[in-house]
Amino acid sequence: MTQLMQITYQDGSIETVTPDVLVSRIVRAAEQHRQWLEAGREMINWLYATLPADQVAEALRPFCERGLIDVEIGA
């Protein structure tokens, strides 16, 4: 007998899946998260390499204000 698990999403929808499906989704989400972090790191490195510090600070300010990244821009 296959065990089923109910997943409730943020939008309130509910889905019933097997544990192996849930695990594969978690693994895929973790890989996507890692790729987003790497892309963000590359973007910040590109900003530092191509723009003056004050423009880098302005570009990153909205992300810092939302608590998405924590950086200090030095002179």
C-alpha atoms as a PDB file:
ATOM      1  CA  MET A   1       0.000   0.000   0.000  1.00  0.00           C
ATOM      2  CA  THR A   2       1.396   3.387  -1.043  1.00  0.00           C
ATOM      3  CA  GLN A   3       1.521   6.119   1.558  1.00  0.00           C
ATOM      4  CA  LEU A   4       0.051   9.440   0.422  1.00  0.00           C
ATOM      5  CA  MET A   5       0.759  12.903   1.771  1.00  0.00           C
ATOM      6  CA  GLN A   6      -1.333  16.036   1.459  1.00  0.00           C
ATOM      7  CA  ILE A   7       0.452  19.252   0.548  1.00  0.00           C
ATOM      8  CA  THR A   8      -1.239  22.596   1.122  1.00  0.00           C
ATOM      9  CA  TYR A   9       0.185  25.408  -0.988  1.00  0.00           C
ATOM     10  CA  GLN A  10       0.277  29.105  -0.129  1.00  0.00           C
ATOM     11  CA  ASP A  11      -2.684  29.772  -2.414  1.00  0.00           C
ATOM     12  CA  GLY A  12      -4.763  27.302  -0.381  1.00  0.00           C
ATOM     13  CA  SER A  13      -4.816  24.551  -2.987  1.00  0.00           C
ATOM     14  CA  ILE A  14      -4.237  21.007  -1.787  1.00  0.00           C
ATOM     15  CA  GLU A  15      -2.502  18.172  -3.587  1.00  0.00           C
ATOM     16  CA  THR A  16      -2.031  14.540  -2.611  1.00  0.00           C
ATOM     17  CA  VAL A  17       1.314  13.008  -3.562  1.00  0.00           C
ATOM     18  CA  THR A  18       3.520  10.065  -2.683  1.00  0.00           C
ATOM     19  CA  PRO A  19       6.597  10.649  -0.505  1.00  0.00           C
ATOM     20  CA  ASP A  20       8.955  10.084  -3.457  1.00  0.00           C
ATOM     21  CA  VAL A  21       7.199  12.818  -5.458  1.00  0.00           C
ATOM     22  CA  LEU A  22       7.468  15.185  -2.492  1.00  0.00           C
ATOM     23  CA  VAL A  23      11.176  14.424  -2.063  1.00  0.00           C
ATOM     24  CA  SER A  24      11.887  14.955  -5.772  1.00  0.00           C
ATOM     25  CA  ARG A  25      10.114  18.334  -5.619  1.00  0.00           C
ATOM     26  CA  ILE A  26      12.128  19.371  -2.571  1.00  0.00           C
ATOM     27  CA  VAL A  27      15.375  18.347  -4.264  1.00  0.00           C
ATOM     28  CA  ARG A  28      14.409  20.238  -7.447  1.00  0.00           C
ATOM     29  CA  ALA A  29      13.464  23.330  -5.409  1.00  0.00           C
ATOM     30  CA  ALA A  30      16.788  23.211  -3.554  1.00  0.00           C
ATOM     31  CA  GLU A  31      18.674  23.033  -6.863  1.00  0.00           C
ATOM     32  CA  GLN A  32      16.688  25.965  -8.268  1.00  0.00           C
ATOM     33  CA  HIS A  33      17.391  27.936  -5.092  1.00  0.00           C
ATOM     34  CA  ARG A  34      21.119  27.213  -5.437  1.00  0.00           C
ATOM     35  CA  GLN A  35      21.028  28.382  -9.066  1.00  0.00           C
ATOM     36  CA  TRP A  36      19.250  31.624  -8.081  1.00  0.00           C
ATOM     37  CA  LEU A  37      21.848  32.288  -5.377  1.00  0.00           C
ATOM     38  CA  GLU A  38      24.680  31.722  -7.850  1.00  0.00           C
ATOM     39  CA  ALA A  39      23.030  34.015 -10.417  1.00  0.00           C
ATOM     40  CA  GLY A  40      22.599  36.701  -7.748  1.00  0.00           C
ATOM     41  CA  ARG A  41      26.236  36.378  -6.726  1.00  0.00           C
ATOM     42  CA  GLU A  42      27.321  36.735 -10.357  1.00  0.00           C
ATOM     43  CA  MET A  43      25.083  39.778 -10.804  1.00  0.00           C
ATOM     44  CA  ILE A  44      26.526  41.501  -7.745  1.00  0.00           C
ATOM     45  CA  ASN A  45      30.087  40.733  -8.893  1.00  0.00           C
ATOM     46  CA  TRP A  46      29.256  42.200 -12.319  1.00  0.00           C
ATOM     47  CA  LEU A  47      27.827  45.342 -10.681  1.00  0.00           C
ATOM     48  CA  TYR A  48      30.980  45.804  -8.597  1.00  0.00           C
ATOM     49  CA  ALA A  49      33.174  45.295 -11.670  1.00  0.00           C
ATOM     50  CA  THR A  50      31.323  47.702 -13.951  1.00  0.00           C
ATOM     51  CA  LEU A  51      29.751  50.478 -11.874  1.00  0.00           C
ATOM     52  CA  PRO A  52      31.022  53.068  -9.399  1.00  0.00           C
ATOM     53  CA  ALA A  53      30.345  52.214  -5.740  1.00  0.00           C
ATOM     54  CA  ASP A  54      27.534  54.768  -5.353  1.00  0.00           C
ATOM     55  CA  GLN A  55      25.646  53.265  -8.311  1.00  0.00           C
ATOM     56  CA  VAL A  56      26.140  49.746  -6.937  1.00  0.00           C
ATOM     57  CA  ALA A  57      24.729  50.911  -3.605  1.00  0.00           C
ATOM     58  CA  GLU A  58      21.712  52.437  -5.367  1.00  0.00           C
ATOM     59  CA  ALA A  59      21.128  49.271  -7.416  1.00  0.00           C
ATOM     60  CA  LEU A  60      21.244  47.042  -4.319  1.00  0.00           C
ATOM     61  CA  ARG A  61      19.331  49.336  -1.953  1.00  0.00           C
ATOM     62  CA  PRO A  62      15.820  47.902  -2.667  1.00  0.00           C
ATOM     63  CA  PHE A  63      17.053  44.372  -1.976  1.00  0.00           C
ATOM     64  CA  CYS A  64      18.727  45.456   1.263  1.00  0.00           C
ATOM     65  CA  GLU A  65      15.613  47.333   2.401  1.00  0.00           C
ATOM     66  CA  ARG A  66      13.521  44.187   1.919  1.00  0.00           C
ATOM     67  CA  GLY A  67      16.039  42.110   3.863  1.00  0.00           C
ATOM     68  CA  LEU A  68      16.834  39.960   0.830  1.00  0.00           C
ATOM     69  CA  ILE A  69      20.554  40.665   0.932  1.00  0.00           C
ATOM     70  CA  ASP A  70      22.913  42.156   3.482  1.00  0.00           C
ATOM     71  CA  VAL A  71      25.888  44.007   2.028  1.00  0.00           C
ATOM     72  CA  GLU A  72      28.122  46.879   3.017  1.00  0.00           C
ATOM     73  CA  ILE A  73      29.369  49.116   0.257  1.00  0.00           C
ATOM     74  CA  GLY A  74      32.775  50.592   1.060  1.00  0.00           C
ATOM     75  CA  ALA A  75      34.269  53.688  -0.482  1.00  0.00           C
END
